[in-house]
Amino acid sequence: MKRILSILCLAVLTLVFAFNGIRAHASEGDAQGDSSRVKKGLKIAPVLLNLQGKNRALVGLGSYIVNAQAGCNDCHTCPSYAPGHNPFDGVGDGQINATNYLAGGTNFGPGPGGQDIVSANLTPDSNGKPAGLDFDEFLELIRTGHDPDEPDEVLQVMPWPIFRNMNKKDLRAIYEYLTSIPPASAGTCAFPGQ
């Protein structure tokens, strides 16, 4: 009986150590993944970032999400690519248009009410708020599709029904990144992704 108890205790201890090792390895992998995305995000930012007073890791992660995953540039930069760099022309390298970066202005044509839907300027306003929104307003917009300036309207083109599934840390990172980019004015283009 003692031998069976000893074997059971040893088995339980082995499982506990194995489980803790797996958890530690998973956490380490997540930390390495975040670190890798932060580095990549800082590297691929198409504009000079203002990191003063900002959380560098959040800015880098936000850049990674905005520039490598979410494709925000396609709708919010008009035109999306620097002249001669549009990869859809078959010769461009995809260099993003830094002059009008995330400044909106892409016209999607008439919406449900008949008015044209035009992408918003996401760059910081004179108070440093992206699109003039504080973080709570930004979070509300992404989670519900309701712009605080037009609470009775629901954003029609913005993929908020997908983006609302992001965790709060990722949304905070996007917001922090948007606070770090320079203000810009909308350009002119005929269609999204131009």
N, C-alpha and C. Protein backbone atom coordinates (compact mmCIF):
# COMPACT_ATOMS: atom_id res chain seq x y z
N MET A 1 0.82 -1.19 0.00
CA MET A 1 0.00 0.00 0.00
C MET A 1 0.87 1.26 0.00
N LYS A 2 1.94 1.24 0.84
CA LYS A 2 2.84 2.38 0.89
C LYS A 2 3.47 2.62 -0.48
N ARG A 3 3.80 1.51 -1.15
CA ARG A 3 4.44 1.61 -2.46
C ARG A 3 3.47 2.27 -3.45
N ILE A 4 2.19 1.90 -3.42
CA ILE A 4 1.19 2.47 -4.33
C ILE A 4 1.03 3.96 -4.03
N LEU A 5 0.96 4.33 -2.75
CA LEU A 5 0.85 5.74 -2.36
C LEU A 5 2.08 6.53 -2.82
N SER A 6 3.24 5.94 -2.67
CA SER A 6 4.47 6.61 -3.10
C SER A 6 4.45 6.83 -4.60
N ILE A 7 4.02 5.83 -5.34
CA ILE A 7 3.96 5.93 -6.80
C ILE A 7 2.93 7.00 -7.20
N LEU A 8 1.78 7.00 -6.53
CA LEU A 8 0.75 8.01 -6.83
C LEU A 8 1.26 9.42 -6.51
N CYS A 9 1.91 9.59 -5.37
CA CYS A 9 2.46 10.91 -5.00
C CYS A 9 3.49 11.35 -6.03
N LEU A 10 4.35 10.41 -6.45
CA LEU A 10 5.36 10.73 -7.44
C LEU A 10 4.70 11.12 -8.77
N ALA A 11 3.66 10.40 -9.14
CA ALA A 11 2.94 10.70 -10.39
C ALA A 11 2.30 12.09 -10.32
N VAL A 12 1.66 12.40 -9.19
CA VAL A 12 1.02 13.70 -9.02
C VAL A 12 2.07 14.82 -9.07
N LEU A 13 3.18 14.63 -8.36
CA LEU A 13 4.25 15.63 -8.38
C LEU A 13 4.81 15.82 -9.79
N THR A 14 4.98 14.72 -10.52
CA THR A 14 5.47 14.79 -11.89
C THR A 14 4.51 15.60 -12.75
N LEU A 15 3.20 15.34 -12.60
CA LEU A 15 2.20 16.09 -13.37
C LEU A 15 2.20 17.57 -13.00
N VAL A 16 2.32 17.86 -11.71
CA VAL A 16 2.35 19.26 -11.27
C VAL A 16 3.56 19.98 -11.87
N PHE A 17 4.73 19.35 -11.78
CA PHE A 17 5.94 19.97 -12.35
C PHE A 17 5.82 20.12 -13.86
N ALA A 18 5.29 19.11 -14.51
CA ALA A 18 5.13 19.17 -15.97
C ALA A 18 4.17 20.29 -16.34
N PHE A 19 3.04 20.39 -15.62
CA PHE A 19 2.06 21.43 -15.91
C PHE A 19 2.66 22.82 -15.69
N ASN A 20 3.38 22.99 -14.58
CA ASN A 20 4.02 24.28 -14.32
C ASN A 20 5.07 24.61 -15.37
N GLY A 21 5.80 23.62 -15.82
CA GLY A 21 6.78 23.83 -16.87
C GLY A 21 6.12 24.25 -18.17
N ILE A 22 4.99 23.63 -18.51
CA ILE A 22 4.25 23.99 -19.72
C ILE A 22 3.72 25.41 -19.59
N ARG A 23 3.16 25.76 -18.42
CA ARG A 23 2.64 27.12 -18.20
C ARG A 23 3.76 28.15 -18.30
N ALA A 24 4.90 27.85 -17.68
CA ALA A 24 6.02 28.79 -17.71
C ALA A 24 6.50 28.96 -19.15
N HIS A 25 6.59 27.85 -19.88
CA HIS A 25 7.03 27.92 -21.28
C HIS A 25 6.04 28.71 -22.12
N ALA A 26 4.74 28.51 -21.90
CA ALA A 26 3.72 29.26 -22.65
C ALA A 26 3.82 30.75 -22.34
N SER A 27 4.00 31.09 -21.06
CA SER A 27 4.12 32.51 -20.70
C SER A 27 5.36 33.11 -21.32
N GLU A 28 6.46 32.35 -21.29
CA GLU A 28 7.70 32.82 -21.89
C GLU A 28 7.51 33.03 -23.38
N GLY A 29 6.82 32.11 -24.04
CA GLY A 29 6.56 32.24 -25.47
C GLY A 29 5.72 33.47 -25.77
N ASP A 30 4.71 33.75 -24.93
CA ASP A 30 3.88 34.93 -25.11
C ASP A 30 4.71 36.19 -24.96
N ALA A 31 5.58 36.21 -23.95
CA ALA A 31 6.42 37.38 -23.73
C ALA A 31 7.37 37.57 -24.91
N GLN A 32 7.94 36.47 -25.41
CA GLN A 32 8.81 36.57 -26.58
C GLN A 32 8.02 37.03 -27.79
N GLY A 33 6.79 36.54 -27.92
CA GLY A 33 5.94 36.94 -29.04
C GLY A 33 5.64 38.43 -28.99
N ASP A 34 5.29 38.94 -27.81
CA ASP A 34 5.04 40.38 -27.66
C ASP A 34 6.30 41.17 -27.97
N SER A 35 7.43 40.72 -27.45
CA SER A 35 8.69 41.42 -27.68
C SER A 35 9.02 41.46 -29.17
N SER A 36 8.81 40.37 -29.83
CA SER A 36 9.07 40.29 -31.27
C SER A 36 8.14 41.22 -32.04
N ARG A 37 6.87 41.25 -31.65
CA ARG A 37 5.92 42.13 -32.34
C ARG A 37 6.20 43.60 -32.05
N VAL A 38 6.62 43.90 -30.85
CA VAL A 38 6.97 45.28 -30.49
C VAL A 38 8.13 45.75 -31.36
N LYS A 39 9.17 44.93 -31.45
CA LYS A 39 10.34 45.27 -32.28
C LYS A 39 9.94 45.47 -33.74
N LYS A 40 9.19 44.52 -34.25
CA LYS A 40 8.76 44.60 -35.65
C LYS A 40 7.88 45.82 -35.87
N GLY A 41 6.97 46.09 -34.93
CA GLY A 41 6.08 47.24 -35.05
C GLY A 41 6.84 48.55 -35.10
N LEU A 42 7.85 48.69 -34.24
CA LEU A 42 8.65 49.90 -34.24
C LEU A 42 9.44 50.03 -35.55
N LYS A 43 9.86 48.90 -36.08
CA LYS A 43 10.64 48.90 -37.32
C LYS A 43 9.79 49.27 -38.54
N ILE A 44 8.54 48.82 -38.57
CA ILE A 44 7.72 49.02 -39.78
C ILE A 44 6.86 50.28 -39.75
N ALA A 45 6.90 51.02 -38.67
CA ALA A 45 6.12 52.27 -38.62
C ALA A 45 6.57 53.16 -39.79
N PRO A 46 5.64 53.61 -40.63
CA PRO A 46 6.03 54.37 -41.81
C PRO A 46 6.30 55.85 -41.56
N VAL A 47 6.12 56.30 -40.32
CA VAL A 47 6.34 57.70 -39.96
C VAL A 47 7.21 57.76 -38.72
N LEU A 48 7.79 58.91 -38.49
CA LEU A 48 8.59 59.14 -37.29
C LEU A 48 7.65 59.19 -36.09
N LEU A 49 7.94 58.41 -35.08
CA LEU A 49 7.06 58.31 -33.91
C LEU A 49 7.54 59.23 -32.79
N ASN A 50 6.57 59.83 -32.10
CA ASN A 50 6.86 60.63 -30.92
C ASN A 50 6.66 59.71 -29.72
N LEU A 51 7.76 59.25 -29.14
CA LEU A 51 7.70 58.32 -28.02
C LEU A 51 7.79 59.02 -26.66
N GLN A 52 7.92 60.33 -26.66
CA GLN A 52 8.06 61.08 -25.41
C GLN A 52 6.80 60.90 -24.55
N GLY A 53 7.01 60.38 -23.34
CA GLY A 53 5.91 60.17 -22.41
C GLY A 53 5.00 59.00 -22.77
N LYS A 54 5.42 58.20 -23.74
CA LYS A 54 4.60 57.08 -24.20
C LYS A 54 5.20 55.75 -23.73
N ASN A 55 4.37 54.74 -23.68
CA ASN A 55 4.83 53.39 -23.36
C ASN A 55 5.36 52.78 -24.66
N ARG A 56 6.68 52.67 -24.78
CA ARG A 56 7.33 52.20 -26.01
C ARG A 56 6.81 50.82 -26.46
N ALA A 57 6.63 49.92 -25.49
CA ALA A 57 6.15 48.58 -25.83
C ALA A 57 4.74 48.62 -26.40
N LEU A 58 3.87 49.44 -25.80
CA LEU A 58 2.51 49.56 -26.34
C LEU A 58 2.50 50.20 -27.71
N VAL A 59 3.33 51.22 -27.91
CA VAL A 59 3.41 51.87 -29.22
C VAL A 59 3.86 50.86 -30.27
N GLY A 60 4.90 50.09 -29.96
CA GLY A 60 5.40 49.08 -30.90
C GLY A 60 4.36 48.02 -31.21
N LEU A 61 3.69 47.53 -30.18
CA LEU A 61 2.64 46.53 -30.40
C LEU A 61 1.50 47.12 -31.22
N GLY A 62 1.12 48.35 -30.90
CA GLY A 62 0.06 49.02 -31.67
C GLY A 62 0.44 49.17 -33.12
N SER A 63 1.69 49.55 -33.38
CA SER A 63 2.16 49.68 -34.76
C SER A 63 2.08 48.34 -35.48
N TYR A 64 2.47 47.29 -34.79
CA TYR A 64 2.42 45.95 -35.38
C TYR A 64 0.98 45.59 -35.77
N ILE A 65 0.04 45.85 -34.86
CA ILE A 65 -1.36 45.53 -35.14
C ILE A 65 -1.89 46.38 -36.30
N VAL A 66 -1.63 47.70 -36.26
CA VAL A 66 -2.12 48.62 -37.28
C VAL A 66 -1.50 48.36 -38.65
N ASN A 67 -0.17 48.13 -38.67
CA ASN A 67 0.55 48.07 -39.93
C ASN A 67 0.80 46.67 -40.48
N ALA A 68 0.72 45.63 -39.63
CA ALA A 68 1.01 44.28 -40.10
C ALA A 68 -0.21 43.35 -40.03
N GLN A 69 -1.24 43.75 -39.31
CA GLN A 69 -2.38 42.85 -39.15
C GLN A 69 -3.70 43.45 -39.60
N ALA A 70 -4.01 44.66 -39.17
CA ALA A 70 -5.36 45.20 -39.37
C ALA A 70 -5.55 45.89 -40.72
N GLY A 71 -4.48 46.28 -41.38
CA GLY A 71 -4.61 46.94 -42.68
C GLY A 71 -5.29 48.30 -42.62
N CYS A 72 -5.12 49.03 -41.53
CA CYS A 72 -5.77 50.34 -41.37
C CYS A 72 -5.41 51.30 -42.49
N ASN A 73 -4.19 51.17 -42.99
CA ASN A 73 -3.69 52.04 -44.05
C ASN A 73 -4.58 52.01 -45.29
N ASP A 74 -5.12 50.86 -45.64
CA ASP A 74 -5.90 50.75 -46.88
C ASP A 74 -7.09 51.70 -46.94
N CYS A 75 -7.72 51.96 -45.82
CA CYS A 75 -8.89 52.84 -45.81
C CYS A 75 -8.59 54.23 -45.25
N HIS A 76 -7.62 54.32 -44.35
CA HIS A 76 -7.40 55.58 -43.65
C HIS A 76 -6.21 56.39 -44.18
N THR A 77 -5.51 55.91 -45.20
CA THR A 77 -4.46 56.69 -45.84
C THR A 77 -4.84 56.85 -47.31
N CYS A 78 -4.86 58.07 -47.76
CA CYS A 78 -5.38 58.36 -49.10
C CYS A 78 -4.41 59.24 -49.87
N PRO A 79 -3.74 58.71 -50.91
CA PRO A 79 -3.68 57.31 -51.33
C PRO A 79 -2.83 56.48 -50.36
N SER A 80 -3.04 55.18 -50.40
CA SER A 80 -2.39 54.28 -49.44
C SER A 80 -0.88 54.20 -49.59
N TYR A 81 -0.41 54.23 -50.83
CA TYR A 81 1.02 54.01 -51.08
C TYR A 81 1.67 55.27 -51.63
N ALA A 82 2.96 55.40 -51.34
CA ALA A 82 3.74 56.52 -51.88
C ALA A 82 3.75 56.39 -53.41
N PRO A 83 3.84 57.51 -54.13
CA PRO A 83 3.87 57.45 -55.59
C PRO A 83 4.95 56.49 -56.09
N GLY A 84 4.53 55.60 -57.00
CA GLY A 84 5.45 54.62 -57.57
C GLY A 84 5.68 53.39 -56.72
N HIS A 85 4.97 53.26 -55.58
CA HIS A 85 5.21 52.14 -54.67
C HIS A 85 4.00 51.22 -54.48
N ASN A 86 2.95 51.42 -55.25
CA ASN A 86 1.74 50.60 -55.10
C ASN A 86 2.02 49.17 -55.58
N PRO A 87 2.02 48.19 -54.68
CA PRO A 87 2.33 46.81 -55.07
C PRO A 87 1.28 46.21 -56.00
N PHE A 88 0.09 46.78 -56.01
CA PHE A 88 -0.96 46.25 -56.87
C PHE A 88 -0.79 46.67 -58.33
N ASP A 89 0.17 47.58 -58.56
CA ASP A 89 0.53 47.94 -59.93
C ASP A 89 1.53 46.95 -60.51
N GLY A 90 2.00 46.02 -59.68
CA GLY A 90 2.93 45.00 -60.14
C GLY A 90 4.39 45.40 -60.05
N VAL A 91 4.68 46.62 -59.65
CA VAL A 91 6.08 47.05 -59.58
C VAL A 91 6.43 47.69 -58.25
N GLY A 92 5.46 48.01 -57.44
CA GLY A 92 5.71 48.73 -56.20
C GLY A 92 6.14 47.83 -55.06
N ASP A 93 6.85 48.41 -54.10
CA ASP A 93 7.33 47.66 -52.94
C ASP A 93 6.43 47.83 -51.72
N GLY A 94 5.33 48.58 -51.86
CA GLY A 94 4.38 48.74 -50.76
C GLY A 94 4.74 49.83 -49.77
N GLN A 95 5.68 50.70 -50.12
CA GLN A 95 6.01 51.80 -49.22
C GLN A 95 4.77 52.65 -48.98
N ILE A 96 4.42 52.82 -47.72
CA ILE A 96 3.20 53.53 -47.35
C ILE A 96 3.39 55.04 -47.54
N ASN A 97 2.32 55.70 -47.92
CA ASN A 97 2.29 57.14 -48.10
C ASN A 97 2.39 57.80 -46.72
N ALA A 98 3.57 58.24 -46.36
CA ALA A 98 3.80 58.85 -45.04
C ALA A 98 3.17 60.24 -44.94
N THR A 99 3.02 60.93 -46.06
CA THR A 99 2.50 62.29 -46.04
C THR A 99 1.06 62.34 -45.52
N ASN A 100 0.23 61.42 -45.96
CA ASN A 100 -1.18 61.40 -45.57
C ASN A 100 -1.51 60.21 -44.68
N TYR A 101 -0.51 59.68 -44.01
CA TYR A 101 -0.66 58.45 -43.23
C TYR A 101 -1.78 58.55 -42.19
N LEU A 102 -2.76 57.70 -42.34
CA LEU A 102 -3.91 57.55 -41.45
C LEU A 102 -4.73 58.83 -41.28
N ALA A 103 -4.66 59.72 -42.27
CA ALA A 103 -5.38 61.00 -42.21
C ALA A 103 -6.77 60.93 -42.83
N GLY A 104 -7.20 59.75 -43.24
CA GLY A 104 -8.56 59.58 -43.77
C GLY A 104 -8.74 60.17 -45.14
N GLY A 105 -10.01 60.36 -45.50
CA GLY A 105 -10.35 60.98 -46.77
C GLY A 105 -10.77 60.02 -47.86
N THR A 106 -10.71 58.73 -47.62
CA THR A 106 -11.13 57.77 -48.64
C THR A 106 -12.65 57.77 -48.70
N ASN A 107 -13.19 58.00 -49.91
CA ASN A 107 -14.63 58.06 -50.10
C ASN A 107 -15.13 56.68 -50.54
N PHE A 108 -16.10 56.16 -49.80
CA PHE A 108 -16.68 54.85 -50.09
C PHE A 108 -18.02 54.97 -50.80
N GLY A 109 -18.40 56.18 -51.15
CA GLY A 109 -19.68 56.38 -51.83
C GLY A 109 -20.81 56.54 -50.82
N PRO A 110 -22.04 56.60 -51.34
CA PRO A 110 -23.19 56.85 -50.46
C PRO A 110 -23.47 55.71 -49.49
N GLY A 111 -23.80 56.11 -48.26
CA GLY A 111 -24.19 55.15 -47.24
C GLY A 111 -25.70 55.01 -47.18
N PRO A 112 -26.22 54.35 -46.14
CA PRO A 112 -27.66 54.13 -46.01
C PRO A 112 -28.51 55.41 -46.05
N GLY A 113 -27.99 56.52 -45.53
CA GLY A 113 -28.73 57.78 -45.51
C GLY A 113 -28.52 58.61 -46.77
N GLY A 114 -27.73 58.10 -47.71
CA GLY A 114 -27.48 58.82 -48.95
C GLY A 114 -26.23 59.68 -48.91
N GLN A 115 -25.70 59.96 -47.73
CA GLN A 115 -24.48 60.75 -47.64
C GLN A 115 -23.26 59.86 -47.88
N ASP A 116 -22.23 60.45 -48.48
CA ASP A 116 -21.01 59.69 -48.72
C ASP A 116 -20.36 59.27 -47.41
N ILE A 117 -19.83 58.07 -47.40
CA ILE A 117 -19.06 57.56 -46.27
C ILE A 117 -17.60 57.84 -46.58
N VAL A 118 -16.94 58.59 -45.71
CA VAL A 118 -15.54 58.96 -45.91
C VAL A 118 -14.76 58.53 -44.67
N SER A 119 -13.63 57.88 -44.90
CA SER A 119 -12.83 57.40 -43.75
C SER A 119 -12.33 58.56 -42.90
N ALA A 120 -12.27 58.32 -41.61
CA ALA A 120 -11.89 59.34 -40.63
C ALA A 120 -10.38 59.54 -40.56
N ASN A 121 -10.01 60.74 -40.15
CA ASN A 121 -8.63 61.07 -39.86
C ASN A 121 -8.32 60.52 -38.47
N LEU A 122 -7.40 59.56 -38.38
CA LEU A 122 -7.06 58.92 -37.11
C LEU A 122 -5.87 59.57 -36.41
N THR A 123 -5.27 60.57 -37.06
CA THR A 123 -4.08 61.19 -36.48
C THR A 123 -4.48 62.06 -35.28
N PRO A 124 -3.51 62.36 -34.42
CA PRO A 124 -3.81 63.14 -33.22
C PRO A 124 -4.27 64.57 -33.53
N ASP A 125 -5.24 65.03 -32.75
CA ASP A 125 -5.69 66.42 -32.87
C ASP A 125 -4.73 67.32 -32.08
N SER A 126 -5.06 68.58 -31.92
CA SER A 126 -4.17 69.52 -31.23
C SER A 126 -3.98 69.16 -29.76
N ASN A 127 -4.85 68.32 -29.20
CA ASN A 127 -4.71 67.86 -27.81
C ASN A 127 -4.02 66.50 -27.73
N GLY A 128 -3.58 65.98 -28.88
CA GLY A 128 -2.89 64.69 -28.91
C GLY A 128 -3.81 63.49 -28.92
N LYS A 129 -5.11 63.72 -29.12
CA LYS A 129 -6.08 62.61 -29.11
C LYS A 129 -6.31 62.11 -30.54
N PRO A 130 -6.10 60.82 -30.79
CA PRO A 130 -6.35 60.27 -32.12
C PRO A 130 -7.82 60.46 -32.51
N ALA A 131 -8.02 61.05 -33.69
CA ALA A 131 -9.38 61.33 -34.19
C ALA A 131 -10.18 62.18 -33.20
N GLY A 132 -9.48 62.85 -32.27
CA GLY A 132 -10.15 63.68 -31.28
C GLY A 132 -10.81 62.88 -30.17
N LEU A 133 -10.49 61.59 -30.07
CA LEU A 133 -11.13 60.71 -29.09
C LEU A 133 -10.20 60.40 -27.93
N ASP A 134 -10.75 60.39 -26.70
CA ASP A 134 -9.96 59.86 -25.60
C ASP A 134 -10.08 58.34 -25.65
N PHE A 135 -9.33 57.64 -24.80
CA PHE A 135 -9.31 56.18 -24.90
C PHE A 135 -10.68 55.56 -24.68
N ASP A 136 -11.45 56.06 -23.73
CA ASP A 136 -12.78 55.49 -23.47
C ASP A 136 -13.70 55.67 -24.68
N GLU A 137 -13.63 56.81 -25.33
CA GLU A 137 -14.44 57.04 -26.53
C GLU A 137 -13.99 56.13 -27.67
N PHE A 138 -12.68 55.98 -27.82
CA PHE A 138 -12.12 55.08 -28.83
C PHE A 138 -12.60 53.65 -28.59
N LEU A 139 -12.52 53.22 -27.35
CA LEU A 139 -12.94 51.87 -26.97
C LEU A 139 -14.43 51.68 -27.28
N GLU A 140 -15.25 52.65 -26.94
CA GLU A 140 -16.69 52.60 -27.22
C GLU A 140 -16.95 52.49 -28.72
N LEU A 141 -16.23 53.29 -29.50
CA LEU A 141 -16.40 53.26 -30.95
C LEU A 141 -16.05 51.89 -31.51
N ILE A 142 -14.93 51.33 -31.10
CA ILE A 142 -14.50 50.02 -31.61
C ILE A 142 -15.43 48.91 -31.12
N ARG A 143 -15.90 49.00 -29.90
CA ARG A 143 -16.76 47.94 -29.34
C ARG A 143 -18.20 47.99 -29.88
N THR A 144 -18.70 49.20 -30.20
CA THR A 144 -20.12 49.32 -30.57
C THR A 144 -20.38 49.84 -31.99
N GLY A 145 -19.36 50.46 -32.59
CA GLY A 145 -19.57 51.07 -33.90
C GLY A 145 -20.21 52.44 -33.85
N HIS A 146 -20.40 52.97 -32.65
CA HIS A 146 -21.02 54.29 -32.48
C HIS A 146 -19.96 55.36 -32.26
N ASP A 147 -19.91 56.33 -33.17
CA ASP A 147 -19.00 57.46 -33.04
C ASP A 147 -19.60 58.41 -32.01
N PRO A 148 -18.80 58.86 -31.02
CA PRO A 148 -19.34 59.77 -30.00
C PRO A 148 -19.92 61.05 -30.60
N ASP A 149 -19.41 61.49 -31.76
CA ASP A 149 -19.93 62.70 -32.40
C ASP A 149 -21.27 62.45 -33.09
N GLU A 150 -21.55 61.21 -33.42
CA GLU A 150 -22.81 60.84 -34.08
C GLU A 150 -23.35 59.56 -33.44
N PRO A 151 -23.79 59.63 -32.19
CA PRO A 151 -24.17 58.43 -31.44
C PRO A 151 -25.34 57.65 -32.01
N ASP A 152 -26.17 58.30 -32.85
CA ASP A 152 -27.31 57.58 -33.42
C ASP A 152 -26.94 56.82 -34.69
N GLU A 153 -25.75 57.06 -35.20
CA GLU A 153 -25.28 56.41 -36.42
C GLU A 153 -24.38 55.23 -36.06
N VAL A 154 -24.37 54.24 -36.94
CA VAL A 154 -23.48 53.10 -36.77
C VAL A 154 -22.50 53.11 -37.95
N LEU A 155 -21.22 53.00 -37.64
CA LEU A 155 -20.21 52.99 -38.70
C LEU A 155 -20.49 51.87 -39.68
N GLN A 156 -20.52 52.19 -40.97
CA GLN A 156 -20.93 51.23 -41.99
C GLN A 156 -19.78 50.48 -42.64
N VAL A 157 -18.64 51.10 -42.81
CA VAL A 157 -17.53 50.46 -43.51
C VAL A 157 -16.49 49.93 -42.54
N MET A 158 -16.25 50.63 -41.47
CA MET A 158 -15.25 50.24 -40.47
C MET A 158 -15.56 48.84 -39.95
N PRO A 159 -14.57 47.94 -39.96
CA PRO A 159 -14.83 46.56 -39.51
C PRO A 159 -14.86 46.41 -37.98
N TRP A 160 -15.57 47.32 -37.31
CA TRP A 160 -15.68 47.25 -35.85
C TRP A 160 -16.29 45.95 -35.35
N PRO A 161 -17.22 45.28 -36.11
CA PRO A 161 -17.74 44.01 -35.59
C PRO A 161 -16.65 42.95 -35.42
N ILE A 162 -15.55 43.07 -36.17
CA ILE A 162 -14.42 42.15 -36.03
C ILE A 162 -13.45 42.68 -34.98
N PHE A 163 -13.10 43.97 -35.11
CA PHE A 163 -12.11 44.56 -34.21
C PHE A 163 -12.58 44.59 -32.76
N ARG A 164 -13.88 44.60 -32.52
CA ARG A 164 -14.38 44.64 -31.14
C ARG A 164 -13.99 43.41 -30.35
N ASN A 165 -13.58 42.35 -31.06
CA ASN A 165 -13.17 41.11 -30.40
C ASN A 165 -11.73 41.15 -29.90
N MET A 166 -11.01 42.21 -30.21
CA MET A 166 -9.64 42.35 -29.71
C MET A 166 -9.69 42.55 -28.19
N ASN A 167 -8.65 42.09 -27.53
CA ASN A 167 -8.62 42.31 -26.09
C ASN A 167 -8.27 43.78 -25.81
N LYS A 168 -8.53 44.21 -24.59
CA LYS A 168 -8.35 45.62 -24.22
C LYS A 168 -6.89 46.05 -24.35
N LYS A 169 -5.96 45.15 -24.05
CA LYS A 169 -4.53 45.49 -24.18
C LYS A 169 -4.20 45.84 -25.63
N ASP A 170 -4.69 45.04 -26.58
CA ASP A 170 -4.41 45.32 -27.99
C ASP A 170 -5.03 46.64 -28.42
N LEU A 171 -6.25 46.90 -27.98
CA LEU A 171 -6.90 48.16 -28.33
C LEU A 171 -6.17 49.34 -27.67
N ARG A 172 -5.70 49.14 -26.46
CA ARG A 172 -4.91 50.19 -25.79
C ARG A 172 -3.62 50.44 -26.57
N ALA A 173 -3.01 49.36 -27.08
CA ALA A 173 -1.78 49.49 -27.86
C ALA A 173 -2.04 50.27 -29.14
N ILE A 174 -3.13 49.98 -29.82
CA ILE A 174 -3.48 50.72 -31.04
C ILE A 174 -3.64 52.19 -30.71
N TYR A 175 -4.37 52.48 -29.65
CA TYR A 175 -4.60 53.87 -29.25
C TYR A 175 -3.27 54.56 -28.93
N GLU A 176 -2.42 53.89 -28.17
CA GLU A 176 -1.12 54.47 -27.80
C GLU A 176 -0.29 54.74 -29.06
N TYR A 177 -0.34 53.82 -30.01
CA TYR A 177 0.38 54.03 -31.27
C TYR A 177 -0.18 55.26 -32.00
N LEU A 178 -1.50 55.36 -32.08
CA LEU A 178 -2.10 56.49 -32.80
C LEU A 178 -1.75 57.83 -32.14
N THR A 179 -1.51 57.83 -30.83
CA THR A 179 -1.11 59.08 -30.17
C THR A 179 0.32 59.46 -30.53
N SER A 180 1.09 58.50 -31.03
CA SER A 180 2.51 58.74 -31.29
C SER A 180 2.82 59.14 -32.74
N ILE A 181 1.82 59.05 -33.63
CA ILE A 181 2.08 59.40 -35.03
C ILE A 181 1.86 60.90 -35.23
N PRO A 182 2.46 61.48 -36.28
CA PRO A 182 2.27 62.91 -36.50
C PRO A 182 0.90 63.23 -37.07
N PRO A 183 0.35 64.40 -36.74
CA PRO A 183 -0.90 64.83 -37.37
C PRO A 183 -0.69 64.97 -38.88
N ALA A 184 -1.73 64.71 -39.64
CA ALA A 184 -1.63 64.81 -41.10
C ALA A 184 -2.98 65.22 -41.67
N SER A 185 -2.96 65.66 -42.91
CA SER A 185 -4.18 66.03 -43.61
C SER A 185 -4.51 64.98 -44.66
N ALA A 186 -5.79 64.83 -44.92
CA ALA A 186 -6.25 63.84 -45.90
C ALA A 186 -5.73 64.17 -47.30
N GLY A 187 -5.44 63.12 -48.03
CA GLY A 187 -5.06 63.26 -49.43
C GLY A 187 -6.27 63.08 -50.33
N THR A 188 -6.01 62.80 -51.59
CA THR A 188 -7.12 62.56 -52.53
C THR A 188 -6.92 61.21 -53.20
N CYS A 189 -7.98 60.43 -53.25
CA CYS A 189 -7.93 59.17 -53.96
C CYS A 189 -9.34 58.79 -54.38
N ALA A 190 -9.42 57.90 -55.33
CA ALA A 190 -10.72 57.56 -55.91
C ALA A 190 -11.35 56.34 -55.26
N PHE A 191 -10.55 55.50 -54.62
CA PHE A 191 -11.09 54.28 -54.02
C PHE A 191 -10.14 53.77 -52.95
N PRO A 192 -10.64 52.89 -52.04
CA PRO A 192 -9.80 52.36 -50.96
C PRO A 192 -8.63 51.54 -51.51
N GLY A 193 -7.52 51.61 -50.81
CA GLY A 193 -6.36 50.80 -51.19
C GLY A 193 -5.64 51.32 -52.41
N GLN A 194 -5.98 52.50 -52.88
CA GLN A 194 -5.40 53.04 -54.10
C GLN A 194 -3.91 53.29 -53.93
